[in-house]
Amino acid sequence: MVSVMYCGVAAHATTPDEEKRLGHCPEGAYSGAASGAKTFTQDSYVWFVSREFAKRFCMPEQFIDDSLKGALAVAVRLKPNEEITCGLLMGRSDLCPASNRLLLDIYVDNRKANIPKADPSVEFYSGRIWNSERYTGINGTRAKRRDKNAITELPGERRPFHPFSSSAVDQRNATQFLYLGVRNGWATQSGSFIEDYYRANWAEGIDLITLDGYLFGYRGLSNPELQVQTDGRRYRDSEYDQSNPIQRWAIGVIQGKDYFRDQEKPGIPYPQGYTHTIELPHKVALMIYAYDHKEGEQFFGAIHQSMQPKAPAVSVSK
């Protein structure tokens, strides 16, 4: 006989306090661990929400962070990568570095935020679907045909902000989500995100965008805890480095045509150079830095291991 236990699904098993709390949020209420909840769903996200969002969806007060600007809520998660590539370097088939994906769920007020879509017709994008088809090789063939405009994505397959395309026209119209170190009057780009999920009007007046930090994980970020941040890459020996340190961190939304146009300048003006900005709580910046550093250690550890001689095969005589 198999015994099965269900957690957090007994809708009738609520306390009077829980019933009272849920009654204040008819659109939907937080289902994770909350005051008065007798049953709950385990929550793998770290939340940073506005007071408006917390009130509307009965979120715990400890999730409220008034330093969040430009978004109603941000939920951060590390998710194990379901696809592991072996033989990262030098053909070493014994190297299979596992990695986590850094995902940020961004809830934005679509009546206030100006986040232009490269394809305004897209209302839903499902992101990567992890199933057995990934091992058939068809995805690579499909990507090549897509670049040649030989196929068109079905609903749910087309990215709304940064379409799958290598054409210069599409890249100029594409919307980019840049991770920024905000200085006085301008910002340093420290990385970027790509959309992994999108739902227009997730709730009335709210769009949900999941951003994937696919370019992080190489120990390229500065520690947000340091008082003075310097950028030793593009603006080396610039007067901006020491006299104008990074003060906070944000996500800047910008279209390709504006991004490429302003690359000749010593930094894109902030915030006026972006169509929309999301000021991130300091703890989010710390989480991004921790992810980048830890994954980078793993990556460079794999490089070091790949350069070591392989252990000789041991033969066993019978």
Protein backbone atom coordinates (compact mmCIF):
# COMPACT_ATOMS: atom_id res chain seq x y z
CA MET A 1 0.00 0.00 0.00
CA VAL A 2 1.37 3.41 -0.96
CA SER A 3 0.72 6.33 1.34
CA VAL A 4 0.59 9.78 -0.27
CA MET A 5 0.76 13.01 1.66
CA TYR A 6 -0.55 16.26 0.22
CA CYS A 7 0.73 19.54 1.60
CA GLY A 8 -1.03 22.86 1.35
CA VAL A 9 -4.03 21.68 -0.68
CA ALA A 10 -6.69 21.33 1.98
CA ALA A 11 -8.59 24.46 1.10
CA HIS A 12 -11.20 23.85 3.78
CA ALA A 13 -8.62 23.62 6.57
CA THR A 14 -8.40 27.31 7.35
CA THR A 15 -8.40 29.13 10.63
CA PRO A 16 -10.68 32.10 11.31
CA ASP A 17 -7.66 34.43 10.98
CA GLU A 18 -6.80 32.89 7.62
CA GLU A 19 -10.37 33.23 6.35
CA LYS A 20 -10.37 36.86 7.40
CA ARG A 21 -7.06 37.51 5.65
CA LEU A 22 -8.15 35.83 2.40
CA GLY A 23 -11.40 37.78 2.40
CA HIS A 24 -9.49 41.02 1.89
CA CYS A 25 -7.93 39.83 -1.39
CA PRO A 26 -10.61 38.53 -3.78
CA GLU A 27 -8.23 38.61 -6.82
CA GLY A 28 -5.80 36.21 -5.19
CA ALA A 29 -3.89 35.93 -1.93
CA TYR A 30 -0.37 34.82 -1.07
CA SER A 31 -0.36 31.05 -0.55
CA GLY A 32 3.06 30.69 1.06
CA ALA A 33 3.72 30.71 4.79
CA ALA A 34 1.83 33.65 6.25
CA SER A 35 0.43 34.70 9.59
CA GLY A 36 -2.74 32.76 10.34
CA ALA A 37 -2.17 30.16 7.60
CA LYS A 38 -2.79 26.58 8.68
CA THR A 39 -1.74 25.08 5.33
CA PHE A 40 0.60 26.69 2.82
CA THR A 41 2.69 26.06 -0.28
CA GLN A 42 6.48 26.06 0.02
CA ASP A 43 7.79 29.22 -1.64
CA SER A 44 11.20 29.09 -3.35
CA TYR A 45 11.21 32.81 -4.20
CA VAL A 46 12.58 35.79 -2.30
CA TRP A 47 10.07 38.61 -2.59
CA PHE A 48 10.46 42.40 -2.65
CA VAL A 49 7.09 44.09 -3.04
CA SER A 50 5.51 47.52 -2.92
CA ARG A 51 2.91 48.37 -0.32
CA GLU A 52 0.30 48.52 -3.07
CA PHE A 53 1.11 44.98 -4.26
CA ALA A 54 1.24 43.62 -0.70
CA LYS A 55 -2.20 45.01 0.09
CA ARG A 56 -3.75 43.82 -3.16
CA PHE A 57 -2.50 40.22 -2.87
CA CYS A 58 -2.27 39.84 0.92
CA MET A 59 1.50 39.50 0.96
CA PRO A 60 3.34 39.34 4.30
CA GLU A 61 4.50 42.74 5.52
CA GLN A 62 8.11 41.55 5.73
CA PHE A 63 8.16 41.36 1.92
CA ILE A 64 7.59 45.11 1.59
CA ASP A 65 10.63 47.09 0.43
CA ASP A 66 10.12 50.79 -0.19
CA SER A 67 13.42 51.07 -2.07
CA LEU A 68 11.88 49.18 -5.02
CA LYS A 69 10.94 51.70 -7.70
CA GLY A 70 9.52 51.20 -11.19
CA ALA A 71 7.98 47.79 -10.43
CA LEU A 72 5.21 46.61 -8.17
CA ALA A 73 7.11 43.50 -7.10
CA VAL A 74 10.25 41.49 -7.80
CA ALA A 75 10.59 37.80 -6.94
CA VAL A 76 14.08 36.26 -7.19
CA ARG A 77 14.83 32.57 -7.59
CA LEU A 78 17.71 30.24 -8.32
CA LYS A 79 16.52 27.28 -10.38
CA PRO A 80 18.66 24.26 -11.24
CA ASN A 81 19.48 24.19 -14.94
CA GLU A 82 17.74 21.20 -16.47
CA GLU A 83 20.23 21.00 -19.34
CA ILE A 84 23.81 20.16 -18.39
CA THR A 85 26.50 20.29 -21.06
CA CYS A 86 29.49 18.01 -20.60
CA GLY A 87 32.92 18.50 -22.14
CA LEU A 88 32.95 22.24 -21.51
CA LEU A 89 36.58 22.73 -22.52
CA MET A 90 39.27 20.87 -24.38
CA GLY A 91 36.96 17.98 -25.16
CA ARG A 92 36.92 16.72 -21.60
CA SER A 93 33.84 14.49 -21.53
CA ASP A 94 34.32 14.00 -17.80
CA LEU A 95 33.47 17.65 -17.12
CA CYS A 96 29.78 18.19 -16.50
CA PRO A 97 29.50 21.47 -14.56
CA ALA A 98 25.98 21.82 -13.21
CA SER A 99 24.66 25.35 -12.87
CA ASN A 100 21.71 27.27 -11.55
CA ARG A 101 19.63 29.78 -13.46
CA LEU A 102 19.03 33.21 -11.97
CA LEU A 103 15.42 34.26 -12.58
CA LEU A 104 13.71 37.52 -11.67
CA ASP A 105 9.94 37.80 -11.88
CA ILE A 106 9.10 41.46 -12.51
CA TYR A 107 5.53 42.67 -11.91
CA VAL A 108 5.01 46.03 -13.61
CA ASP A 109 2.12 48.47 -13.77
CA ASN A 110 1.37 48.45 -17.51
CA ARG A 111 -0.44 51.76 -17.21
CA LYS A 112 2.70 53.54 -16.02
CA ALA A 113 5.72 51.57 -17.22
CA ASN A 114 6.95 52.23 -20.76
CA ILE A 115 8.40 48.88 -21.84
CA PRO A 116 8.04 48.74 -25.63
CA LYS A 117 7.65 45.37 -27.31
CA ALA A 118 9.47 44.58 -30.53
CA ASP A 119 6.33 42.68 -31.50
CA PRO A 120 3.30 44.45 -29.97
CA SER A 121 1.03 41.56 -30.97
CA VAL A 122 2.64 39.18 -28.46
CA GLU A 123 0.57 38.82 -25.29
CA PHE A 124 2.11 35.59 -24.02
CA TYR A 125 5.53 33.95 -24.22
CA SER A 126 6.08 30.61 -22.52
CA GLY A 127 9.88 30.59 -22.44
CA ARG A 128 11.94 27.43 -22.68
CA ILE A 129 10.05 24.16 -22.42
CA TRP A 130 12.25 21.41 -21.03
CA ASN A 131 11.25 18.06 -22.46
CA SER A 132 12.75 15.23 -24.48
CA GLU A 133 12.67 17.10 -27.82
CA ARG A 134 15.82 18.97 -26.76
CA TYR A 135 17.80 15.78 -27.36
CA THR A 136 16.57 15.24 -30.93
CA GLY A 137 18.58 18.10 -32.41
CA ILE A 138 15.50 19.71 -33.95
CA ASN A 139 15.89 22.88 -31.89
CA GLY A 140 19.21 23.70 -33.54
CA THR A 141 17.76 23.14 -37.00
CA ARG A 142 14.73 25.21 -36.14
CA ALA A 143 16.95 28.05 -34.88
CA LYS A 144 18.82 28.18 -38.20
CA ARG A 145 15.57 28.25 -40.15
CA ARG A 146 14.21 30.94 -37.84
CA ASP A 147 17.24 33.15 -38.50
CA LYS A 148 16.53 32.88 -42.22
CA ASN A 149 12.86 33.74 -41.63
CA ALA A 150 11.98 30.33 -43.02
CA ILE A 151 9.62 29.59 -40.15
CA THR A 152 7.35 31.63 -37.91
CA GLU A 153 6.88 30.89 -34.23
CA LEU A 154 3.49 29.75 -32.99
CA PRO A 155 1.69 31.74 -30.27
CA GLY A 156 3.70 31.41 -27.08
CA GLU A 157 6.99 30.75 -28.90
CA ARG A 158 7.83 34.30 -29.98
CA ARG A 159 9.64 36.62 -27.62
CA PRO A 160 7.82 39.93 -27.21
CA PHE A 161 10.84 42.13 -26.42
CA HIS A 162 13.88 40.52 -28.04
CA PRO A 163 12.74 38.26 -30.93
CA PHE A 164 14.83 35.36 -32.19
CA SER A 165 16.43 37.14 -35.10
CA SER A 166 19.87 38.17 -36.28
CA SER A 167 18.67 40.90 -38.63
CA ALA A 168 19.96 44.41 -37.93
CA VAL A 169 16.42 45.82 -38.18
CA ASP A 170 15.06 43.46 -35.53
CA GLN A 171 18.02 44.07 -33.25
CA ARG A 172 17.50 47.84 -33.40
CA ASN A 173 13.84 47.41 -32.51
CA ALA A 174 14.57 44.86 -29.80
CA THR A 175 14.10 45.91 -26.19
CA GLN A 176 17.00 45.18 -23.86
CA PHE A 177 16.97 44.77 -20.09
CA LEU A 178 20.34 46.02 -18.83
CA TYR A 179 21.71 45.54 -15.32
CA LEU A 180 23.06 48.93 -14.29
CA GLY A 181 25.33 50.39 -11.67
CA VAL A 182 23.74 53.81 -11.21
CA ARG A 183 26.10 56.76 -10.82
CA ASN A 184 25.29 60.44 -10.62
CA GLY A 185 23.69 61.28 -13.98
CA TRP A 186 24.59 58.08 -15.84
CA ALA A 187 24.95 54.34 -15.35
CA THR A 188 27.48 51.61 -16.04
CA GLN A 189 26.19 48.47 -17.73
CA SER A 190 27.18 45.43 -15.67
CA GLY A 191 25.22 42.72 -17.46
CA SER A 192 21.90 42.03 -19.10
CA PHE A 193 18.83 39.84 -18.93
CA ILE A 194 16.63 38.16 -21.53
CA GLU A 195 12.92 37.47 -21.16
CA ASP A 196 12.09 33.89 -20.18
CA TYR A 197 8.34 34.34 -19.71
CA TYR A 198 5.78 37.05 -20.38
CA ARG A 199 2.10 37.44 -19.56
CA ALA A 200 0.30 40.62 -20.51
CA ASN A 201 -2.36 41.58 -17.97
CA TRP A 202 -1.39 38.83 -15.56
CA ALA A 203 -3.82 40.70 -13.32
CA GLU A 204 -5.74 43.83 -14.23
CA GLY A 205 -3.17 46.51 -15.02
CA ILE A 206 -0.17 44.28 -14.25
CA ASP A 207 2.22 42.56 -16.68
CA LEU A 208 4.50 39.75 -15.50
CA ILE A 209 7.96 39.48 -17.07
CA THR A 210 10.44 36.79 -16.04
CA LEU A 211 14.03 37.81 -16.72
CA ASP A 212 16.84 35.27 -17.02
CA GLY A 213 20.33 36.35 -15.94
CA TYR A 214 21.88 34.17 -18.62
CA LEU A 215 25.00 36.34 -18.97
CA PHE A 216 25.91 36.30 -15.28
CA GLY A 217 28.12 33.68 -13.70
CA TYR A 218 31.64 34.75 -14.71
CA ARG A 219 32.68 36.78 -11.64
CA GLY A 220 32.44 40.01 -13.58
CA LEU A 221 30.43 42.01 -11.03
CA SER A 222 31.75 44.32 -8.35
CA ASN A 223 30.73 43.72 -4.75
CA PRO A 224 27.75 46.02 -3.98
CA GLU A 225 28.91 46.21 -0.37
CA LEU A 226 31.97 48.24 -1.33
CA GLN A 227 31.58 51.96 -0.79
CA VAL A 228 33.23 52.97 -4.07
CA GLN A 229 32.59 51.00 -7.24
CA THR A 230 34.92 51.41 -10.18
CA ASP A 231 34.57 50.10 -13.69
CA GLY A 232 37.96 48.91 -14.89
CA ARG A 233 36.81 47.70 -18.28
CA ARG A 234 35.35 50.21 -20.68
CA TYR A 235 36.12 53.44 -18.82
CA ARG A 236 39.57 52.57 -17.51
CA ASP A 237 41.42 55.64 -16.15
CA SER A 238 38.31 57.73 -16.67
CA GLU A 239 37.60 60.61 -14.33
CA TYR A 240 34.17 59.07 -13.75
CA ASP A 241 35.60 56.02 -11.96
CA GLN A 242 36.69 57.48 -8.64
CA SER A 243 34.81 60.76 -8.60
CA ASN A 244 31.43 59.31 -9.55
CA PRO A 245 31.00 55.92 -7.81
CA ILE A 246 28.08 53.55 -8.22
CA GLN A 247 25.39 54.47 -5.71
CA ARG A 248 22.71 51.83 -6.37
CA TRP A 249 21.65 49.15 -8.85
CA ALA A 250 18.83 49.08 -11.38
CA ILE A 251 17.42 47.50 -14.50
CA GLY A 252 17.34 49.86 -17.46
CA VAL A 253 14.94 49.21 -20.33
CA ILE A 254 16.20 50.51 -23.67
CA GLN A 255 15.59 49.78 -27.34
CA GLY A 256 18.46 48.66 -29.52
CA LYS A 257 18.42 51.76 -31.70
CA ASP A 258 18.92 53.99 -28.64
CA TYR A 259 21.48 51.68 -27.07
CA PHE A 260 23.68 51.53 -30.17
CA ARG A 261 23.36 55.27 -30.74
CA ASP A 262 24.56 56.13 -27.24
CA GLN A 263 27.46 53.65 -27.15
CA GLU A 264 29.80 56.39 -28.36
CA LYS A 265 29.03 58.46 -25.28
CA PRO A 266 30.74 57.99 -21.89
CA GLY A 267 27.70 56.26 -20.43
CA ILE A 268 24.01 56.52 -21.24
CA PRO A 269 22.30 59.31 -19.24
CA TYR A 270 20.32 57.94 -16.32
CA PRO A 271 17.37 57.81 -16.06
CA GLN A 272 16.43 59.90 -19.09
CA GLY A 273 18.35 57.70 -21.54
CA TYR A 274 16.07 54.72 -20.83
CA THR A 275 12.42 54.14 -21.65
CA HIS A 276 11.88 52.69 -18.17
CA THR A 277 14.00 51.99 -15.10
CA ILE A 278 13.51 49.64 -12.15
CA GLU A 279 15.47 50.61 -9.04
CA LEU A 280 16.39 47.39 -7.26
CA PRO A 281 16.61 46.91 -3.49
CA HIS A 282 20.19 46.51 -2.27
CA LYS A 283 19.52 42.91 -1.24
CA VAL A 284 18.65 42.02 -4.84
CA ALA A 285 22.02 43.38 -5.98
CA LEU A 286 23.72 41.28 -3.31
CA MET A 287 21.90 38.16 -4.52
CA ILE A 288 22.91 38.82 -8.13
CA TYR A 289 26.52 39.35 -7.05
CA ALA A 290 26.52 36.16 -4.95
CA TYR A 291 25.15 34.18 -7.89
CA ASP A 292 27.70 35.66 -10.30
CA HIS A 293 30.60 34.93 -7.93
CA LYS A 294 29.59 31.38 -7.01
CA GLU A 295 28.78 30.32 -10.57
CA GLY A 296 32.00 31.98 -11.71
CA GLU A 297 34.03 29.93 -9.24
CA GLN A 298 32.43 26.82 -10.68
CA PHE A 299 33.09 27.94 -14.25
CA PHE A 300 36.73 28.82 -13.70
CA GLY A 301 37.16 25.68 -11.63
CA ALA A 302 36.07 23.72 -14.69
CA ILE A 303 38.63 25.62 -16.79
CA HIS A 304 41.39 24.74 -14.34
CA GLN A 305 40.32 21.11 -14.25
CA SER A 306 40.19 20.91 -18.05
CA MET A 307 43.82 21.99 -18.25
CA GLN A 308 45.00 19.24 -15.96
CA PRO A 309 46.21 15.97 -17.49
CA LYS A 310 43.70 13.18 -17.44
CA ALA A 311 44.31 10.40 -14.98
CA PRO A 312 45.72 7.32 -16.73
CA ALA A 313 43.34 4.45 -17.18
CA VAL A 314 43.85 1.67 -14.66
CA SER A 315 43.86 -1.80 -16.08
CA VAL A 316 42.89 -4.67 -13.87
CA SER A 317 44.44 -8.04 -14.67
CA LYS A 318 42.31 -11.05 -14.05
